[in-house]
Amino acid sequence: MATGSDKPRTKQNHGMHSTQIRGVVSNVFRAATITSLWGVGLLGSAAIGFHGMEIIAAEVNLNVTRAYNWQGLKNGCMGGSLVAISSFLGSAFVGALIHDEEDE
């Protein structure tokens, strides 16, 4: 039994729904792009710091600085930075494709 408030499905209603979904997806990719840039900056800075500590530990004969695995920490941050930069490039590329599709 149909009521008077039921709206028939039309292309216009479907178009609004598709536009809303594209807007949400665009916002998600924008957030992923910004987050990955922050990750690149923070992990890159940490990798540079751990690289410095690795050099200091190699030059100084203190057991305290040698107790830490500076090279392992540096490599972990470099790997995380690589993942973040590839995430940035991927999300920026897909976001640009979605934006270009909306313009057409």
PDB file of N, CA and C in Angstrom:
ATOM      1  N   MET A   1       0.846  -1.166   0.000  1.00  0.00           N
ATOM      2  CA  MET A   1       0.000   0.000   0.000  1.00  0.00           C
ATOM      3  C   MET A   1       0.893   1.232   0.000  1.00  0.00           C
ATOM      4  N   ALA A   2       0.735   2.043  -1.006  1.00  0.00           N
ATOM      5  CA  ALA A   2       1.561   3.233  -1.165  1.00  0.00           C
ATOM      6  C   ALA A   2       0.899   4.420  -0.495  1.00  0.00           C
ATOM      7  N   THR A   3       1.701   5.225   0.146  1.00  0.00           N
ATOM      8  CA  THR A   3       1.174   6.431   0.776  1.00  0.00           C
ATOM      9  C   THR A   3       1.490   7.623  -0.110  1.00  0.00           C
ATOM     10  N   GLY A   4       0.906   8.737   0.195  1.00  0.00           N
ATOM     11  CA  GLY A   4       1.102   9.937  -0.603  1.00  0.00           C
ATOM     12  C   GLY A   4       2.493  10.525  -0.443  1.00  0.00           C
ATOM     13  N   SER A   5       3.212  10.137   0.616  1.00  0.00           N
ATOM     14  CA  SER A   5       4.540  10.707   0.846  1.00  0.00           C
ATOM     15  C   SER A   5       5.630   9.950   0.090  1.00  0.00           C
ATOM     16  N   ASP A   6       5.301   8.791  -0.502  1.00  0.00           N
ATOM     17  CA  ASP A   6       6.309   8.048  -1.264  1.00  0.00           C
ATOM     18  C   ASP A   6       6.644   8.797  -2.540  1.00  0.00           C
ATOM     19  N   LYS A   7       7.936   8.996  -2.766  1.00  0.00           N
ATOM     20  CA  LYS A   7       8.367   9.681  -3.970  1.00  0.00           C
ATOM     21  C   LYS A   7       8.849   8.646  -4.975  1.00  0.00           C
ATOM     22  N   PRO A   8       8.442   8.768  -6.200  1.00  0.00           N
ATOM     23  CA  PRO A   8       8.958   7.837  -7.203  1.00  0.00           C
ATOM     24  C   PRO A   8      10.427   8.136  -7.468  1.00  0.00           C
ATOM     25  N   ARG A   9      11.175   7.094  -7.778  1.00  0.00           N
ATOM     26  CA  ARG A   9      12.590   7.274  -8.084  1.00  0.00           C
ATOM     27  C   ARG A   9      12.732   7.902  -9.454  1.00  0.00           C
ATOM     28  N   THR A  10      13.493   8.968  -9.507  1.00  0.00           N
ATOM     29  CA  THR A  10      13.760   9.625 -10.773  1.00  0.00           C
ATOM     30  C   THR A  10      15.255   9.781 -10.932  1.00  0.00           C
ATOM     31  N   LYS A  11      15.676  10.128 -12.131  1.00  0.00           N
ATOM     32  CA  LYS A  11      17.094  10.346 -12.371  1.00  0.00           C
ATOM     33  C   LYS A  11      17.606  11.532 -11.569  1.00  0.00           C
ATOM     34  N   GLN A  12      16.743  12.511 -11.331  1.00  0.00           N
ATOM     35  CA  GLN A  12      17.166  13.684 -10.584  1.00  0.00           C
ATOM     36  C   GLN A  12      17.501  13.308  -9.143  1.00  0.00           C
ATOM     37  N   ASN A  13      16.685  12.469  -8.499  1.00  0.00           N
ATOM     38  CA  ASN A  13      16.985  12.028  -7.142  1.00  0.00           C
ATOM     39  C   ASN A  13      18.264  11.199  -7.113  1.00  0.00           C
ATOM     40  N   HIS A  14      18.448  10.348  -8.125  1.00  0.00           N
ATOM     41  CA  HIS A  14      19.646   9.522  -8.184  1.00  0.00           C
ATOM     42  C   HIS A  14      20.883  10.386  -8.381  1.00  0.00           C
ATOM     43  N   GLY A  15      20.775  11.448  -9.172  1.00  0.00           N
ATOM     44  CA  GLY A  15      21.907  12.344  -9.408  1.00  0.00           C
ATOM     45  C   GLY A  15      22.334  13.054  -8.143  1.00  0.00           C
ATOM     46  N   MET A  16      21.396  13.469  -7.324  1.00  0.00           N
ATOM     47  CA  MET A  16      21.742  14.116  -6.061  1.00  0.00           C
ATOM     48  C   MET A  16      22.465  13.129  -5.151  1.00  0.00           C
ATOM     49  N   HIS A  17      22.007  11.902  -5.128  1.00  0.00           N
ATOM     50  CA  HIS A  17      22.622  10.885  -4.285  1.00  0.00           C
ATOM     51  C   HIS A  17      24.049  10.624  -4.746  1.00  0.00           C
ATOM     52  N   SER A  18      24.266  10.536  -6.028  1.00  0.00           N
ATOM     53  CA  SER A  18      25.594  10.292  -6.566  1.00  0.00           C
ATOM     54  C   SER A  18      26.536  11.463  -6.256  1.00  0.00           C
ATOM     55  N   THR A  19      26.016  12.677  -6.326  1.00  0.00           N
ATOM     56  CA  THR A  19      26.823  13.862  -6.021  1.00  0.00           C
ATOM     57  C   THR A  19      27.226  13.871  -4.551  1.00  0.00           C
ATOM     58  N   GLN A  20      26.312  13.480  -3.683  1.00  0.00           N
ATOM     59  CA  GLN A  20      26.631  13.434  -2.255  1.00  0.00           C
ATOM     60  C   GLN A  20      27.713  12.398  -1.968  1.00  0.00           C
ATOM     61  N   ILE A  21      27.618  11.255  -2.628  1.00  0.00           N
ATOM     62  CA  ILE A  21      28.621  10.202  -2.426  1.00  0.00           C
ATOM     63  C   ILE A  21      29.978  10.681  -2.919  1.00  0.00           C
ATOM     64  N   ARG A  22      29.999  11.332  -4.071  1.00  0.00           N
ATOM     65  CA  ARG A  22      31.269  11.841  -4.588  1.00  0.00           C
ATOM     66  C   ARG A  22      31.870  12.890  -3.662  1.00  0.00           C
ATOM     67  N   GLY A  23      31.021  13.708  -3.052  1.00  0.00           N
ATOM     68  CA  GLY A  23      31.509  14.703  -2.103  1.00  0.00           C
ATOM     69  C   GLY A  23      32.148  14.062  -0.890  1.00  0.00           C
ATOM     70  N   VAL A  24      31.514  13.004  -0.380  1.00  0.00           N
ATOM     71  CA  VAL A  24      32.057  12.294   0.783  1.00  0.00           C
ATOM     72  C   VAL A  24      33.378  11.628   0.413  1.00  0.00           C
ATOM     73  N   VAL A  25      33.411  10.973  -0.742  1.00  0.00           N
ATOM     74  CA  VAL A  25      34.644  10.312  -1.174  1.00  0.00           C
ATOM     75  C   VAL A  25      35.754  11.337  -1.380  1.00  0.00           C
ATOM     76  N   SER A  26      35.410  12.483  -1.959  1.00  0.00           N
ATOM     77  CA  SER A  26      36.394  13.542  -2.156  1.00  0.00           C
ATOM     78  C   SER A  26      36.948  14.029  -0.817  1.00  0.00           C
ATOM     79  N   ASN A  27      36.086  14.180   0.178  1.00  0.00           N
ATOM     80  CA  ASN A  27      36.543  14.609   1.512  1.00  0.00           C
ATOM     81  C   ASN A  27      37.438  13.560   2.161  1.00  0.00           C
ATOM     82  N   VAL A  28      37.126  12.287   1.946  1.00  0.00           N
ATOM     83  CA  VAL A  28      37.951  11.215   2.509  1.00  0.00           C
ATOM     84  C   VAL A  28      39.351  11.249   1.900  1.00  0.00           C
ATOM     85  N   PHE A  29      39.413  11.416   0.580  1.00  0.00           N
ATOM     86  CA  PHE A  29      40.731  11.466  -0.065  1.00  0.00           C
ATOM     87  C   PHE A  29      41.492  12.728   0.322  1.00  0.00           C
ATOM     88  N   ARG A  30      40.779  13.823   0.535  1.00  0.00           N
ATOM     89  CA  ARG A  30      41.449  15.057   0.983  1.00  0.00           C
ATOM     90  C   ARG A  30      42.050  14.845   2.370  1.00  0.00           C
ATOM     91  N   ALA A  31      41.297  14.209   3.256  1.00  0.00           N
ATOM     92  CA  ALA A  31      41.802  13.936   4.608  1.00  0.00           C
ATOM     93  C   ALA A  31      42.985  12.974   4.562  1.00  0.00           C
ATOM     94  N   ALA A  32      42.916  11.962   3.702  1.00  0.00           N
ATOM     95  CA  ALA A  32      44.029  11.013   3.580  1.00  0.00           C
ATOM     96  C   ALA A  32      45.275  11.707   3.053  1.00  0.00           C
ATOM     97  N   THR A  33      45.101  12.634   2.130  1.00  0.00           N
ATOM     98  CA  THR A  33      46.241  13.370   1.579  1.00  0.00           C
ATOM     99  C   THR A  33      46.908  14.220   2.649  1.00  0.00           C
ATOM    100  N   ILE A  34      46.113  14.942   3.415  1.00  0.00           N
ATOM    101  CA  ILE A  34      46.665  15.805   4.466  1.00  0.00           C
ATOM    102  C   ILE A  34      47.336  14.973   5.556  1.00  0.00           C
ATOM    103  N   THR A  35      46.691  13.878   5.955  1.00  0.00           N
ATOM    104  CA  THR A  35      47.251  13.017   6.991  1.00  0.00           C
ATOM    105  C   THR A  35      48.570  12.396   6.545  1.00  0.00           C
ATOM    106  N   SER A  36      48.632  11.965   5.305  1.00  0.00           N
ATOM    107  CA  SER A  36      49.869  11.354   4.826  1.00  0.00           C
ATOM    108  C   SER A  36      50.998  12.378   4.722  1.00  0.00           C
ATOM    109  N   LEU A  37      50.675  13.619   4.404  1.00  0.00           N
ATOM    110  CA  LEU A  37      51.715  14.659   4.398  1.00  0.00           C
ATOM    111  C   LEU A  37      52.272  14.894   5.793  1.00  0.00           C
ATOM    112  N   TRP A  38      51.401  14.909   6.783  1.00  0.00           N
ATOM    113  CA  TRP A  38      51.871  15.042   8.171  1.00  0.00           C
ATOM    114  C   TRP A  38      52.753  13.857   8.548  1.00  0.00           C
ATOM    115  N   GLY A  39      52.340  12.672   8.123  1.00  0.00           N
ATOM    116  CA  GLY A  39      53.131  11.475   8.417  1.00  0.00           C
ATOM    117  C   GLY A  39      54.507  11.525   7.792  1.00  0.00           C
ATOM    118  N   VAL A  40      54.565  11.998   6.549  1.00  0.00           N
ATOM    119  CA  VAL A  40      55.865  12.124   5.874  1.00  0.00           C
ATOM    120  C   VAL A  40      56.765  13.092   6.643  1.00  0.00           C
ATOM    121  N   GLY A  41      56.208  14.218   7.046  1.00  0.00           N
ATOM    122  CA  GLY A  41      57.007  15.203   7.775  1.00  0.00           C
ATOM    123  C   GLY A  41      57.512  14.687   9.103  1.00  0.00           C
ATOM    124  N   LEU A  42      56.636  14.069   9.864  1.00  0.00           N
ATOM    125  CA  LEU A  42      57.037  13.583  11.188  1.00  0.00           C
ATOM    126  C   LEU A  42      58.001  12.407  11.103  1.00  0.00           C
ATOM    127  N   LEU A  43      57.688  11.431  10.253  1.00  0.00           N
ATOM    128  CA  LEU A  43      58.572  10.274  10.142  1.00  0.00           C
ATOM    129  C   LEU A  43      59.905  10.638   9.499  1.00  0.00           C
ATOM    130  N   GLY A  44      59.887  11.563   8.542  1.00  0.00           N
ATOM    131  CA  GLY A  44      61.142  12.013   7.939  1.00  0.00           C
ATOM    132  C   GLY A  44      62.017  12.728   8.945  1.00  0.00           C
ATOM    133  N   SER A  45      61.412  13.564   9.770  1.00  0.00           N
ATOM    134  CA  SER A  45      62.180  14.258  10.818  1.00  0.00           C
ATOM    135  C   SER A  45      62.742  13.269  11.826  1.00  0.00           C
ATOM    136  N   ALA A  46      61.961  12.277  12.205  1.00  0.00           N
ATOM    137  CA  ALA A  46      62.445  11.264  13.149  1.00  0.00           C
ATOM    138  C   ALA A  46      63.587  10.461  12.535  1.00  0.00           C
ATOM    139  N   ALA A  47      63.483  10.136  11.247  1.00  0.00           N
ATOM    140  CA  ALA A  47      64.553   9.383  10.589  1.00  0.00           C
ATOM    141  C   ALA A  47      65.851  10.185  10.568  1.00  0.00           C
ATOM    142  N   ILE A  48      65.749  11.488  10.320  1.00  0.00           N
ATOM    143  CA  ILE A  48      66.948  12.333  10.331  1.00  0.00           C
ATOM    144  C   ILE A  48      67.556  12.372  11.736  1.00  0.00           C
ATOM    145  N   GLY A  49      66.699  12.480  12.760  1.00  0.00           N
ATOM    146  CA  GLY A  49      67.192  12.473  14.139  1.00  0.00           C
ATOM    147  C   GLY A  49      67.855  11.167  14.508  1.00  0.00           C
ATOM    148  N   PHE A  50      67.252  10.041  14.125  1.00  0.00           N
ATOM    149  CA  PHE A  50      67.849   8.743  14.430  1.00  0.00           C
ATOM    150  C   PHE A  50      69.143   8.534  13.640  1.00  0.00           C
ATOM    151  N   HIS A  51      69.218   9.094  12.448  1.00  0.00           N
ATOM    152  CA  HIS A  51      70.462   9.004  11.678  1.00  0.00           C
ATOM    153  C   HIS A  51      71.576   9.755  12.410  1.00  0.00           C
ATOM    154  N   GLY A  52      71.255  10.919  12.947  1.00  0.00           N
ATOM    155  CA  GLY A  52      72.237  11.667  13.735  1.00  0.00           C
ATOM    156  C   GLY A  52      72.672  10.907  14.962  1.00  0.00           C
ATOM    157  N   MET A  53      71.710  10.274  15.641  1.00  0.00           N
ATOM    158  CA  MET A  53      72.069   9.495  16.824  1.00  0.00           C
ATOM    159  C   MET A  53      72.913   8.282  16.460  1.00  0.00           C
ATOM    160  N   GLU A  54      72.663   7.709  15.289  1.00  0.00           N
ATOM    161  CA  GLU A  54      73.468   6.586  14.828  1.00  0.00           C
ATOM    162  C   GLU A  54      74.911   7.022  14.605  1.00  0.00           C
ATOM    163  N   ILE A  55      75.118   8.202  14.027  1.00  0.00           N
ATOM    164  CA  ILE A  55      76.471   8.728  13.807  1.00  0.00           C
ATOM    165  C   ILE A  55      77.153   9.019  15.146  1.00  0.00           C
ATOM    166  N   ILE A  56      76.404   9.624  16.079  1.00  0.00           N
ATOM    167  CA  ILE A  56      76.967   9.922  17.400  1.00  0.00           C
ATOM    168  C   ILE A  56      77.342   8.636  18.121  1.00  0.00           C
ATOM    169  N   ALA A  57      76.503   7.621  18.036  1.00  0.00           N
ATOM    170  CA  ALA A  57      76.786   6.350  18.706  1.00  0.00           C
ATOM    171  C   ALA A  57      78.000   5.666  18.108  1.00  0.00           C
ATOM    172  N   ALA A  58      78.246   5.858  16.825  1.00  0.00           N
ATOM    173  CA  ALA A  58      79.415   5.252  16.194  1.00  0.00           C
ATOM    174  C   ALA A  58      80.702   5.958  16.607  1.00  0.00           C
ATOM    175  N   GLU A  59      80.603   7.252  16.904  1.00  0.00           N
ATOM    176  CA  GLU A  59      81.793   8.041  17.247  1.00  0.00           C
ATOM    177  C   GLU A  59      82.145   7.971  18.734  1.00  0.00           C
ATOM    178  N   VAL A  60      81.134   7.797  19.570  1.00  0.00           N
ATOM    179  CA  VAL A  60      81.344   7.818  21.024  1.00  0.00           C
ATOM    180  C   VAL A  60      81.399   6.381  21.531  1.00  0.00           C
ATOM    181  N   ASN A  61      82.237   6.138  22.501  1.00  0.00           N
ATOM    182  CA  ASN A  61      82.390   4.792  23.034  1.00  0.00           C
ATOM    183  C   ASN A  61      81.530   4.530  24.268  1.00  0.00           C
ATOM    184  N   LEU A  62      80.471   5.304  24.457  1.00  0.00           N
ATOM    185  CA  LEU A  62      79.603   5.084  25.615  1.00  0.00           C
ATOM    186  C   LEU A  62      78.679   3.905  25.351  1.00  0.00           C
ATOM    187  N   ASN A  63      78.493   3.090  26.359  1.00  0.00           N
ATOM    188  CA  ASN A  63      77.606   1.935  26.214  1.00  0.00           C
ATOM    189  C   ASN A  63      76.134   2.338  26.172  1.00  0.00           C
ATOM    190  N   VAL A  64      75.817   3.511  26.709  1.00  0.00           N
ATOM    191  CA  VAL A  64      74.424   3.956  26.746  1.00  0.00           C
ATOM    192  C   VAL A  64      73.900   4.196  25.336  1.00  0.00           C
ATOM    193  N   THR A  65      74.699   4.880  24.516  1.00  0.00           N
ATOM    194  CA  THR A  65      74.225   5.178  23.161  1.00  0.00           C
ATOM    195  C   THR A  65      74.240   3.944  22.278  1.00  0.00           C
ATOM    196  N   ARG A  66      75.112   2.993  22.578  1.00  0.00           N
ATOM    197  CA  ARG A  66      75.162   1.775  21.774  1.00  0.00           C
ATOM    198  C   ARG A  66      74.045   0.797  22.154  1.00  0.00           C
ATOM    199  N   ALA A  67      73.426   1.007  23.296  1.00  0.00           N
ATOM    200  CA  ALA A  67      72.371   0.093  23.738  1.00  0.00           C
ATOM    201  C   ALA A  67      71.123   0.191  22.852  1.00  0.00           C
ATOM    202  N   TYR A  68      70.933   1.321  22.210  1.00  0.00           N
ATOM    203  CA  TYR A  68      69.773   1.500  21.345  1.00  0.00           C
ATOM    204  C   TYR A  68      70.121   1.076  19.921  1.00  0.00           C
ATOM    205  N   ASN A  69      69.144   0.564  19.230  1.00  0.00           N
ATOM    206  CA  ASN A  69      69.325   0.171  17.846  1.00  0.00           C
ATOM    207  C   ASN A  69      68.930   1.358  16.965  1.00  0.00           C
ATOM    208  N   TRP A  70      69.808   2.344  16.858  1.00  0.00           N
ATOM    209  CA  TRP A  70      69.479   3.561  16.125  1.00  0.00           C
ATOM    210  C   TRP A  70      69.241   3.281  14.649  1.00  0.00           C
ATOM    211  N   GLN A  71      70.003   2.365  14.087  1.00  0.00           N
ATOM    212  CA  GLN A  71      69.842   2.050  12.675  1.00  0.00           C
ATOM    213  C   GLN A  71      68.476   1.403  12.421  1.00  0.00           C
ATOM    214  N   GLY A  72      68.048   0.533  13.309  1.00  0.00           N
ATOM    215  CA  GLY A  72      66.737  -0.091  13.170  1.00  0.00           C
ATOM    216  C   GLY A  72      65.609   0.925  13.292  1.00  0.00           C
ATOM    217  N   LEU A  73      65.750   1.849  14.251  1.00  0.00           N
ATOM    218  CA  LEU A  73      64.735   2.900  14.392  1.00  0.00           C
ATOM    219  C   LEU A  73      64.695   3.802  13.164  1.00  0.00           C
ATOM    220  N   LYS A  74      65.889   4.145  12.663  1.00  0.00           N
ATOM    221  CA  LYS A  74      65.975   4.990  11.465  1.00  0.00           C
ATOM    222  C   LYS A  74      65.325   4.288  10.280  1.00  0.00           C
ATOM    223  N   ASN A  75      65.618   3.007  10.083  1.00  0.00           N
ATOM    224  CA  ASN A  75      65.055   2.270   8.959  1.00  0.00           C
ATOM    225  C   ASN A  75      63.539   2.133   9.077  1.00  0.00           C
ATOM    226  N   GLY A  76      63.049   1.973  10.294  1.00  0.00           N
ATOM    227  CA  GLY A  76      61.600   1.910  10.501  1.00  0.00           C
ATOM    228  C   GLY A  76      60.914   3.214  10.129  1.00  0.00           C
ATOM    229  N   CYS A  77      61.516   4.320  10.521  1.00  0.00           N
ATOM    230  CA  CYS A  77      60.945   5.630  10.173  1.00  0.00           C
ATOM    231  C   CYS A  77      61.049   5.913   8.680  1.00  0.00           C
ATOM    232  N   MET A  78      62.142   5.490   8.060  1.00  0.00           N
ATOM    233  CA  MET A  78      62.281   5.672   6.619  1.00  0.00           C
ATOM    234  C   MET A  78      61.222   4.855   5.873  1.00  0.00           C
ATOM    235  N   GLY A  79      60.962   3.639   6.323  1.00  0.00           N
ATOM    236  CA  GLY A  79      59.924   2.810   5.704  1.00  0.00           C
ATOM    237  C   GLY A  79      58.541   3.412   5.887  1.00  0.00           C
ATOM    238  N   GLY A  80      58.277   3.902   7.083  1.00  0.00           N
ATOM    239  CA  GLY A  80      56.984   4.558   7.322  1.00  0.00           C
ATOM    240  C   GLY A  80      56.817   5.813   6.489  1.00  0.00           C
ATOM    241  N   SER A  81      57.899   6.544   6.319  1.00  0.00           N
ATOM    242  CA  SER A  81      57.864   7.744   5.490  1.00  0.00           C
ATOM    243  C   SER A  81      57.611   7.381   4.034  1.00  0.00           C
ATOM    244  N   LEU A  82      58.199   6.292   3.565  1.00  0.00           N
ATOM    245  CA  LEU A  82      57.966   5.831   2.201  1.00  0.00           C
ATOM    246  C   LEU A  82      56.513   5.421   1.994  1.00  0.00           C
ATOM    247  N   VAL A  83      55.946   4.726   2.964  1.00  0.00           N
ATOM    248  CA  VAL A  83      54.528   4.346   2.883  1.00  0.00           C
ATOM    249  C   VAL A  83      53.648   5.595   2.874  1.00  0.00           C
ATOM    250  N   ALA A  84      53.977   6.574   3.708  1.00  0.00           N
ATOM    251  CA  ALA A  84      53.169   7.792   3.778  1.00  0.00           C
ATOM    252  C   ALA A  84      53.250   8.592   2.482  1.00  0.00           C
ATOM    253  N   ILE A  85      54.421   8.675   1.868  1.00  0.00           N
ATOM    254  CA  ILE A  85      54.531   9.441   0.628  1.00  0.00           C
ATOM    255  C   ILE A  85      53.816   8.724  -0.505  1.00  0.00           C
ATOM    256  N   SER A  86      53.839   7.396  -0.520  1.00  0.00           N
ATOM    257  CA  SER A  86      53.100   6.680  -1.560  1.00  0.00           C
ATOM    258  C   SER A  86      51.594   6.801  -1.323  1.00  0.00           C
ATOM    259  N   SER A  87      51.182   6.843  -0.074  1.00  0.00           N
ATOM    260  CA  SER A  87      49.775   7.084   0.242  1.00  0.00           C
ATOM    261  C   SER A  87      49.347   8.470  -0.204  1.00  0.00           C
ATOM    262  N   PHE A  88      50.214   9.462  -0.001  1.00  0.00           N
ATOM    263  CA  PHE A  88      49.923  10.815  -0.451  1.00  0.00           C
ATOM    264  C   PHE A  88      49.761  10.858  -1.966  1.00  0.00           C
ATOM    265  N   LEU A  89      50.694  10.266  -2.672  1.00  0.00           N
ATOM    266  CA  LEU A  89      50.624  10.295  -4.135  1.00  0.00           C
ATOM    267  C   LEU A  89      49.383   9.567  -4.651  1.00  0.00           C
ATOM    268  N   GLY A  90      49.071   8.426  -4.058  1.00  0.00           N
ATOM    269  CA  GLY A  90      47.897   7.670  -4.491  1.00  0.00           C
ATOM    270  C   GLY A  90      46.596   8.392  -4.204  1.00  0.00           C
ATOM    271  N   SER A  91      46.455   8.942  -3.008  1.00  0.00           N
ATOM    272  CA  SER A  91      45.206   9.626  -2.673  1.00  0.00           C
ATOM    273  C   SER A  91      45.056  10.924  -3.445  1.00  0.00           C
ATOM    274  N   ALA A  92      46.154  11.620  -3.699  1.00  0.00           N
ATOM    275  CA  ALA A  92      46.079  12.842  -4.500  1.00  0.00           C
ATOM    276  C   ALA A  92      45.692  12.516  -5.939  1.00  0.00           C
ATOM    277  N   PHE A  93      46.217  11.432  -6.486  1.00  0.00           N
ATOM    278  CA  PHE A  93      45.903  11.032  -7.850  1.00  0.00           C
ATOM    279  C   PHE A  93      44.437  10.630  -7.989  1.00  0.00           C
ATOM    280  N   VAL A  94      43.960   9.789  -7.074  1.00  0.00           N
ATOM    281  CA  VAL A  94      42.565   9.357  -7.144  1.00  0.00           C
ATOM    282  C   VAL A  94      41.621  10.533  -6.873  1.00  0.00           C
ATOM    283  N   GLY A  95      41.984  11.408  -5.938  1.00  0.00           N
ATOM    284  CA  GLY A  95      41.172  12.595  -5.685  1.00  0.00           C
ATOM    285  C   GLY A  95      41.097  13.504  -6.894  1.00  0.00           C
ATOM    286  N   ALA A  96      42.207  13.639  -7.620  1.00  0.00           N
ATOM    287  CA  ALA A  96      42.204  14.455  -8.833  1.00  0.00           C
ATOM    288  C   ALA A  96      41.340  13.814  -9.908  1.00  0.00           C
ATOM    289  N   LEU A  97      41.366  12.495 -10.018  1.00  0.00           N
ATOM    290  CA  LEU A  97      40.514  11.812 -10.990  1.00  0.00           C
ATOM    291  C   LEU A  97      39.038  12.013 -10.672  1.00  0.00           C
ATOM    292  N   ILE A  98      38.697  11.931  -9.400  1.00  0.00           N
ATOM    293  CA  ILE A  98      37.299  12.127  -8.998  1.00  0.00           C
ATOM    294  C   ILE A  98      36.881  13.568  -9.273  1.00  0.00           C
ATOM    295  N   HIS A  99      37.757  14.513  -8.969  1.00  0.00           N
ATOM    296  CA  HIS A  99      37.439  15.931  -9.201  1.00  0.00           C
ATOM    297  C   HIS A  99      37.266  16.209 -10.691  1.00  0.00           C
ATOM    298  N   ASP A 100      38.114  15.627 -11.536  1.00  0.00           N
ATOM    299  CA  ASP A 100      37.988  15.827 -12.981  1.00  0.00           C
ATOM    300  C   ASP A 100      36.701  15.207 -13.514  1.00  0.00           C
ATOM    301  N   GLU A 101      36.294  14.075 -12.938  1.00  0.00           N
ATOM    302  CA  GLU A 101      35.068  13.413 -13.371  1.00  0.00           C
ATOM    303  C   GLU A 101      33.851  14.262 -13.014  1.00  0.00           C
ATOM    304  N   GLU A 102      33.902  14.965 -11.882  1.00  0.00           N
ATOM    305  CA  GLU A 102      32.793  15.834 -11.480  1.00  0.00           C
ATOM    306  C   GLU A 102      32.659  17.032 -12.412  1.00  0.00           C
ATOM    307  N   ASP A 103      33.777  17.518 -12.946  1.00  0.00           N
ATOM    308  CA  ASP A 103      33.748  18.674 -13.823  1.00  0.00           C
ATOM    309  C   ASP A 103      33.133  18.388 -15.175  1.00  0.00           C
ATOM    310  N   GLU A 104      33.165  17.118 -15.595  1.00  0.00           N
ATOM    311  CA  GLU A 104      32.652  16.762 -16.916  1.00  0.00           C
ATOM    312  C   GLU A 104      31.159  16.774 -16.987  1.00  0.00           C
TER     313      GLU A 104
END
